[in-house]
Amino acid sequence: MTRQSRTSPAGSERSLHQAYDTALLDLDGVVYAGGEAIAYAAQSLAAARADGMHLAYVTNNALRTPEAVAGHLGELGIPTEAGEVITSAQAVARLISEQVAPGSKVLVIGGEGLRVALRERGLVPVESADEEGLAAVVQGYGGPDLPWSRFAEASYAIHRGVPWYASNTDLTIPGARGIGPGNGAAVEVVRIATGAEPQVAGKPLPPMHRETVLRTGAERPLVVGDRLDTDIEGAFNGDVDSLLVLTGVTDAAQLLRAEPRHRPTYVDRDLRGLLTGQPEVVAAGEGFRCGGWTAVAAAGVLELRGEGEGEGEPVDRLDPLDPVDGLRALCAAAWTQAGDGSCTLDAGKALARIGL
């Protein structure tokens, strides 16, 4: 089955870190959240690397330089070289460099990551829309303290006809205190003020995938992420496999509603999923079974039954069933029912049974 027609999570007899040569890992919501390591991340990545898997960290967050990101990962117990970090700042800088003359001035609305990436491509970052010979405006995540005046500066330049680029359009970003506005929210501010549309480089669009392949040389990559609209859609667009982990912004209900371009190859709770095989989801009567769970698309609802249960009350078990297996079975029922669309069946009771 192709990714374009996926109606069920896939199984894998081999552990994923052995089935793929390189993990292309998102950072926010996958490896860390709010600057702190997510549970099991450091141990899982160390084990995967020790067994021969290459690790690359691919982030739409353009705020920090690869060196800064690598340093932060090292502090979290994940030794990383700067060359193993690929950012949307690098992708957008390459995109701009292919469309303007070497040495061109670029107005920066964002952080140091953008400035360093532009210099790497032979471009000159500037701070004012009044710079003579301004060739482009680039906007990336600047952190929660980015002044409102920077959006005005971008608007002045764009109204004068200067081409506009954005590192990414993630509307939100996970943090220690919850979900906050991402660069996509800031891009919307400038879009409303100017009526213009930026060229965008970050996931899920091709410039970011190209940047990643050029920098990693991956032959059998596995995209690992927490977002359907960036990580998983980016894998879909690049025709590579993906693992969704449930440690970031995507919850189980959103996953069940996923359209084909947002359906991951594999689903797991966290990065420990890299170190294991993935259970197969199989057709079972009118529904789908994974582990000890069977999911059925009934009249207006998704139903979930544990092994040994009929349509009555759940049975007590000495060996609790894996909730993620239940989610995988529900995905198969939901995605099959939805076809090329989005499942609208009520999954509330089914998800409550597995605590997701």
Protein backbone atom coordinates (compact mmCIF):
# COMPACT_ATOMS: atom_id res chain seq x y z
CA MET A 1 0.00 0.00 0.00
CA THR A 2 1.30 3.45 -0.86
CA ARG A 3 1.39 6.28 1.63
CA GLN A 4 -1.06 8.14 -0.59
CA SER A 5 -3.79 5.54 0.11
CA ARG A 6 -2.92 4.64 3.72
CA THR A 7 -5.92 3.34 5.66
CA SER A 8 -4.07 1.80 8.60
CA PRO A 9 -0.85 2.17 10.58
CA ALA A 10 1.77 -0.24 9.28
CA GLY A 11 3.47 -3.05 11.15
CA SER A 12 7.18 -3.82 11.23
CA GLU A 13 8.79 -7.09 12.33
CA ARG A 14 12.15 -5.33 12.66
CA SER A 15 12.73 -2.59 15.19
CA LEU A 16 12.49 0.76 13.48
CA HIS A 17 16.06 1.76 14.33
CA GLN A 18 17.22 -1.28 12.36
CA ALA A 19 14.74 -0.95 9.49
CA TYR A 20 15.81 2.64 8.68
CA ASP A 21 19.29 4.14 8.40
CA THR A 22 18.48 7.66 9.61
CA ALA A 23 15.94 9.16 11.97
CA LEU A 24 14.92 12.68 10.96
CA LEU A 25 13.71 13.91 14.32
CA ASP A 26 11.63 16.95 15.09
CA LEU A 27 12.68 18.63 18.35
CA ASP A 28 9.81 20.55 20.00
CA GLY A 29 7.32 18.00 21.28
CA VAL A 30 9.47 15.01 20.31
CA VAL A 31 12.87 15.35 22.00
CA TYR A 32 12.12 18.21 24.38
CA ALA A 33 9.33 20.53 25.47
CA GLY A 34 9.93 23.90 27.05
CA GLY A 35 13.66 23.23 27.07
CA GLU A 36 13.41 20.02 29.13
CA ALA A 37 13.92 16.54 27.75
CA ILE A 38 10.78 14.49 27.18
CA ALA A 39 10.66 11.25 29.15
CA TYR A 40 12.68 8.39 27.61
CA ALA A 41 14.03 10.58 24.79
CA ALA A 42 17.71 10.62 25.77
CA GLN A 43 17.86 6.91 26.58
CA SER A 44 16.02 5.88 23.42
CA LEU A 45 18.17 8.02 21.13
CA ALA A 46 21.39 6.81 22.77
CA ALA A 47 20.34 3.20 22.24
CA ALA A 48 19.38 3.80 18.61
CA ARG A 49 22.69 5.55 17.88
CA ALA A 50 24.70 2.84 19.63
CA ASP A 51 23.09 0.25 17.36
CA GLY A 52 24.08 2.13 14.21
CA MET A 53 21.19 4.46 13.43
CA HIS A 54 22.13 7.97 12.28
CA LEU A 55 20.28 10.77 14.04
CA ALA A 56 19.45 14.15 12.55
CA TYR A 57 17.39 16.83 14.24
CA VAL A 58 15.10 18.65 11.82
CA THR A 59 13.29 21.63 13.24
CA ASN A 60 11.02 24.34 11.90
CA ASN A 61 12.15 26.55 14.80
CA ALA A 62 14.45 29.14 13.19
CA LEU A 63 15.30 30.96 16.41
CA ARG A 64 18.54 29.25 17.39
CA THR A 65 21.66 28.28 15.46
CA PRO A 66 22.57 24.60 14.93
CA GLU A 67 25.46 25.10 17.37
CA ALA A 68 23.09 26.38 20.04
CA VAL A 69 20.64 23.54 19.47
CA ALA A 70 23.44 20.96 19.61
CA GLY A 71 24.70 22.50 22.84
CA HIS A 72 21.24 22.36 24.38
CA LEU A 73 20.81 18.72 23.37
CA GLY A 74 24.16 17.93 24.95
CA GLU A 75 22.98 19.50 28.21
CA LEU A 76 19.96 17.19 28.08
CA GLY A 77 22.22 14.14 27.79
CA ILE A 78 21.95 13.79 24.01
CA PRO A 79 25.44 14.34 22.53
CA THR A 80 24.98 16.09 19.18
CA GLU A 81 27.19 17.75 16.56
CA ALA A 82 26.04 21.00 14.96
CA GLY A 83 26.08 19.27 11.57
CA GLU A 84 23.36 16.92 12.80
CA VAL A 85 20.92 19.82 13.23
CA ILE A 86 18.93 21.07 10.24
CA THR A 87 16.73 24.13 10.69
CA SER A 88 14.12 25.93 8.65
CA ALA A 89 16.43 28.95 8.82
CA GLN A 90 18.96 27.02 6.71
CA ALA A 91 16.25 25.94 4.27
CA VAL A 92 14.87 29.45 3.78
CA ALA A 93 18.36 30.93 3.47
CA ARG A 94 19.14 28.51 0.63
CA LEU A 95 15.80 29.35 -1.01
CA ILE A 96 16.55 33.08 -0.89
CA SER A 97 20.13 32.62 -2.11
CA GLU A 98 18.85 30.88 -5.23
CA GLN A 99 16.68 33.90 -6.13
CA VAL A 100 18.82 36.94 -5.27
CA ALA A 101 22.37 38.00 -6.08
CA PRO A 102 25.28 37.02 -3.80
CA GLY A 103 25.87 39.63 -1.13
CA SER A 104 22.27 40.88 -1.21
CA LYS A 105 20.75 42.55 1.85
CA VAL A 106 17.94 40.67 3.61
CA LEU A 107 15.70 42.21 6.28
CA VAL A 108 15.54 39.78 9.22
CA ILE A 109 12.40 39.43 11.33
CA GLY A 110 13.44 36.79 13.83
CA GLY A 111 16.40 35.49 15.77
CA GLU A 112 20.08 34.68 15.47
CA GLY A 113 19.42 31.41 13.69
CA LEU A 114 18.22 33.33 10.63
CA ARG A 115 21.19 35.71 10.64
CA VAL A 116 23.75 32.91 10.81
CA ALA A 117 22.01 30.91 8.07
CA LEU A 118 21.90 33.93 5.75
CA ARG A 119 25.61 34.64 6.24
CA GLU A 120 26.35 30.98 5.49
CA ARG A 121 24.74 31.54 2.07
CA GLY A 122 26.68 34.75 1.39
CA LEU A 123 23.81 37.10 2.19
CA VAL A 124 23.83 40.18 4.43
CA PRO A 125 21.25 40.34 7.26
CA VAL A 126 19.96 43.84 8.05
CA GLU A 127 17.48 45.28 10.54
CA SER A 128 15.76 48.15 8.70
CA ALA A 129 13.30 48.33 5.83
CA ASP A 130 15.02 51.58 4.82
CA GLU A 131 18.27 49.83 3.79
CA GLU A 132 19.20 50.75 0.23
CA GLY A 133 19.06 47.84 -2.21
CA LEU A 134 17.02 45.56 0.06
CA ALA A 135 16.47 42.26 -1.80
CA ALA A 136 14.24 40.25 0.53
CA VAL A 137 12.40 40.07 3.84
CA VAL A 138 12.70 36.84 5.84
CA GLN A 139 10.53 36.01 8.84
CA GLY A 140 11.20 33.26 11.37
CA TYR A 141 10.32 32.47 14.96
CA GLY A 142 11.80 35.16 17.17
CA GLY A 143 10.73 33.91 20.58
CA PRO A 144 8.02 35.28 22.88
CA ASP A 145 9.81 38.60 23.35
CA LEU A 146 10.02 39.58 19.67
CA PRO A 147 8.84 43.22 19.54
CA TRP A 148 5.67 44.11 17.64
CA SER A 149 7.71 46.77 15.85
CA ARG A 150 9.49 44.03 13.89
CA PHE A 151 6.20 43.06 12.21
CA ALA A 152 5.74 46.70 11.24
CA GLU A 153 9.25 46.76 9.77
CA ALA A 154 8.42 43.74 7.62
CA SER A 155 5.19 45.37 6.48
CA TYR A 156 6.95 48.56 5.41
CA ALA A 157 9.34 46.60 3.19
CA ILE A 158 6.70 44.31 1.72
CA HIS A 159 4.44 47.26 0.85
CA ARG A 160 7.39 48.64 -1.13
CA GLY A 161 7.49 45.47 -3.21
CA VAL A 162 10.32 43.59 -1.47
CA PRO A 163 9.86 39.79 -1.78
CA TRP A 164 8.79 38.10 1.45
CA TYR A 165 9.99 34.70 2.72
CA ALA A 166 9.06 32.73 5.84
CA SER A 167 11.02 29.97 7.49
CA ASN A 168 7.83 28.12 8.44
CA THR A 169 4.16 28.62 9.23
CA ASP A 170 3.61 26.49 12.37
CA LEU A 171 0.77 28.28 14.13
CA THR A 172 1.75 26.94 17.55
CA ILE A 173 4.82 25.83 19.49
CA PRO A 174 4.82 23.60 22.61
CA GLY A 175 6.48 24.91 25.74
CA ALA A 176 6.87 24.11 29.43
CA ARG A 177 3.64 25.96 30.32
CA GLY A 178 1.58 24.76 27.37
CA ILE A 179 1.01 25.56 23.70
CA GLY A 180 1.99 29.06 22.58
CA PRO A 181 1.83 30.98 19.27
CA GLY A 182 4.43 29.94 16.72
CA ASN A 183 5.92 31.67 13.70
CA GLY A 184 2.81 30.95 11.65
CA ALA A 185 0.81 33.19 13.97
CA ALA A 186 3.35 35.98 13.44
CA VAL A 187 3.25 35.43 9.68
CA GLU A 188 -0.52 35.87 9.82
CA VAL A 189 -0.02 39.30 11.38
CA VAL A 190 2.13 40.44 8.47
CA ARG A 191 -0.13 38.78 5.91
CA ILE A 192 -3.16 40.66 7.26
CA ALA A 193 -1.24 43.93 7.26
CA THR A 194 0.09 43.56 3.71
CA GLY A 195 -2.24 41.23 1.81
CA ALA A 196 0.92 39.49 0.57
CA GLU A 197 1.87 35.79 0.59
CA PRO A 198 5.36 34.63 1.58
CA GLN A 199 7.43 31.89 0.00
CA VAL A 200 7.72 29.28 2.75
CA ALA A 201 10.64 26.87 3.20
CA GLY A 202 9.88 24.79 6.31
CA LYS A 203 8.07 21.51 6.82
CA PRO A 204 5.93 20.23 5.19
CA LEU A 205 7.17 21.92 2.01
CA PRO A 206 9.84 20.61 -0.41
CA PRO A 207 12.64 23.12 0.42
CA MET A 208 12.98 21.69 3.93
CA HIS A 209 12.98 18.09 2.71
CA ARG A 210 15.62 18.96 0.12
CA GLU A 211 17.78 20.70 2.74
CA THR A 212 17.55 17.66 5.00
CA VAL A 213 18.51 15.18 2.29
CA LEU A 214 21.41 17.36 1.12
CA ARG A 215 22.81 17.69 4.63
CA THR A 216 22.27 14.11 5.88
CA GLY A 217 22.67 11.90 2.81
CA ALA A 218 19.94 9.63 4.24
CA GLU A 219 18.99 6.66 2.03
CA ARG A 220 16.26 5.04 4.16
CA PRO A 221 15.04 7.88 6.35
CA LEU A 222 12.28 7.75 8.94
CA VAL A 223 10.65 11.07 9.83
CA VAL A 224 9.82 11.22 13.55
CA GLY A 225 7.47 13.98 14.67
CA ASP A 226 4.53 15.11 16.76
CA ARG A 227 2.68 17.30 14.24
CA LEU A 228 0.42 16.05 11.48
CA ASP A 229 0.51 19.25 9.43
CA THR A 230 4.31 19.61 9.33
CA ASP A 231 6.21 16.44 10.23
CA ILE A 232 3.80 13.85 8.86
CA GLU A 233 2.68 15.88 5.85
CA GLY A 234 6.34 16.62 5.10
CA ALA A 235 7.08 12.90 5.06
CA PHE A 236 4.07 12.35 2.82
CA ASN A 237 5.28 15.03 0.39
CA GLY A 238 8.78 13.52 0.40
CA ASP A 239 7.41 9.98 -0.05
CA VAL A 240 9.19 8.66 3.05
CA ASP A 241 7.90 6.77 6.08
CA SER A 242 7.01 8.46 9.36
CA LEU A 243 6.53 7.78 13.06
CA LEU A 244 4.10 9.93 15.04
CA VAL A 245 4.83 10.17 18.77
CA LEU A 246 2.13 11.32 21.16
CA THR A 247 4.36 13.59 23.27
CA GLY A 248 3.59 16.88 21.50
CA VAL A 249 0.70 18.76 19.99
CA THR A 250 -1.22 15.94 18.25
CA ASP A 251 -3.74 14.05 20.37
CA ALA A 252 -5.51 10.79 19.62
CA ALA A 253 -8.75 12.44 18.47
CA GLN A 254 -6.89 14.55 15.90
CA LEU A 255 -5.07 11.47 14.64
CA LEU A 256 -8.33 9.63 14.03
CA ARG A 257 -9.59 12.58 11.96
CA ALA A 258 -6.42 12.73 9.84
CA GLU A 259 -6.76 13.06 6.08
CA PRO A 260 -4.46 10.87 3.92
CA ARG A 261 -1.57 13.37 3.81
CA HIS A 262 -1.59 13.52 7.63
CA ARG A 263 -1.63 9.76 8.32
CA PRO A 264 1.67 8.46 9.70
CA THR A 265 3.19 5.12 8.81
CA TYR A 266 3.61 4.23 12.49
CA VAL A 267 2.18 5.48 15.79
CA ASP A 268 3.75 5.16 19.23
CA ARG A 269 3.59 6.75 22.65
CA ASP A 270 7.14 8.22 22.67
CA LEU A 271 10.64 7.68 21.29
CA ARG A 272 10.87 4.20 22.77
CA GLY A 273 8.95 3.26 19.63
CA LEU A 274 12.21 3.58 17.67
CA LEU A 275 13.64 0.58 19.49
CA THR A 276 10.83 -1.86 18.86
CA GLY A 277 8.95 -3.44 16.01
CA GLN A 278 5.44 -2.24 15.31
CA PRO A 279 2.43 -4.53 15.73
CA GLU A 280 0.40 -5.37 12.68
CA VAL A 281 -3.17 -4.15 12.33
CA VAL A 282 -5.34 -6.80 10.68
CA ALA A 283 -8.90 -6.99 9.44
CA ALA A 284 -11.16 -8.82 11.90
CA GLY A 285 -14.75 -9.34 10.82
CA GLU A 286 -16.30 -5.91 10.35
CA GLY A 287 -13.46 -4.18 12.15
CA PHE A 288 -9.70 -4.13 12.71
CA ARG A 289 -7.59 -5.79 15.41
CA CYS A 290 -4.26 -4.77 16.91
CA GLY A 291 -2.91 -6.63 19.93
CA GLY A 292 -5.91 -7.43 22.08
CA TRP A 293 -8.11 -4.61 20.81
CA THR A 294 -10.70 -4.61 18.01
CA ALA A 295 -12.12 -1.39 16.59
CA VAL A 296 -15.31 -1.11 14.55
CA ALA A 297 -16.89 1.79 12.69
CA ALA A 298 -20.55 1.51 13.70
CA ALA A 299 -23.54 3.78 13.21
CA GLY A 300 -22.12 7.23 13.92
CA VAL A 301 -19.47 6.05 16.36
CA LEU A 302 -16.15 4.24 16.63
CA GLU A 303 -16.36 1.29 19.01
CA LEU A 304 -13.45 -0.41 20.76
CA ARG A 305 -13.57 -3.88 22.34
CA GLY A 306 -10.93 -5.67 24.36
CA GLU A 307 -10.03 -9.29 23.82
CA GLY A 308 -12.74 -11.59 25.17
CA GLU A 309 -15.41 -8.88 25.18
CA GLY A 310 -18.62 -8.85 23.23
CA GLU A 311 -20.79 -5.79 22.93
CA GLY A 312 -21.53 -5.78 26.66
CA GLU A 313 -19.47 -4.65 29.61
CA PRO A 314 -15.64 -4.77 29.58
CA VAL A 315 -14.05 -7.80 31.25
CA ASP A 316 -11.46 -7.61 34.03
CA ARG A 317 -7.97 -8.64 32.93
CA LEU A 318 -4.79 -9.63 34.72
CA ASP A 319 -2.73 -8.55 31.68
CA PRO A 320 -3.75 -4.97 30.76
CA LEU A 321 -3.94 -4.33 27.05
CA ASP A 322 -1.65 -1.74 25.44
CA PRO A 323 -3.67 1.46 24.92
CA VAL A 324 -1.59 2.36 21.85
CA ASP A 325 -2.64 -0.91 20.21
CA GLY A 326 -6.21 0.23 20.75
CA LEU A 327 -5.40 3.54 19.09
CA ARG A 328 -3.80 1.78 16.12
CA ALA A 329 -6.94 -0.35 15.66
CA LEU A 330 -9.10 2.78 15.91
CA CYS A 331 -6.96 4.49 13.27
CA ALA A 332 -7.58 1.63 10.86
CA ALA A 333 -11.33 1.76 11.45
CA ALA A 334 -11.47 5.55 11.18
CA TRP A 335 -9.19 5.94 8.15
CA THR A 336 -10.88 3.11 6.25
CA GLN A 337 -14.31 4.62 6.89
CA ALA A 338 -13.09 8.08 5.84
CA GLY A 339 -11.30 7.02 2.65
CA ASP A 340 -9.76 10.16 1.14
CA GLY A 341 -11.55 12.40 3.62
CA SER A 342 -11.64 12.92 7.38
CA CYS A 343 -13.46 10.62 9.80
CA THR A 344 -16.39 12.32 11.52
CA LEU A 345 -17.51 9.40 13.71
CA ASP A 346 -17.69 9.99 17.47
CA ALA A 347 -14.64 8.39 19.15
CA GLY A 348 -15.09 9.85 22.63
CA LYS A 349 -16.07 6.67 24.49
CA ALA A 350 -13.52 4.55 22.65
CA LEU A 351 -10.65 6.92 23.46
CA ALA A 352 -11.79 7.21 27.07
CA ARG A 353 -11.45 3.43 27.39
CA ILE A 354 -7.75 3.62 26.59
CA GLY A 355 -7.09 6.90 28.37
CA LEU A 356 -6.06 8.79 25.22
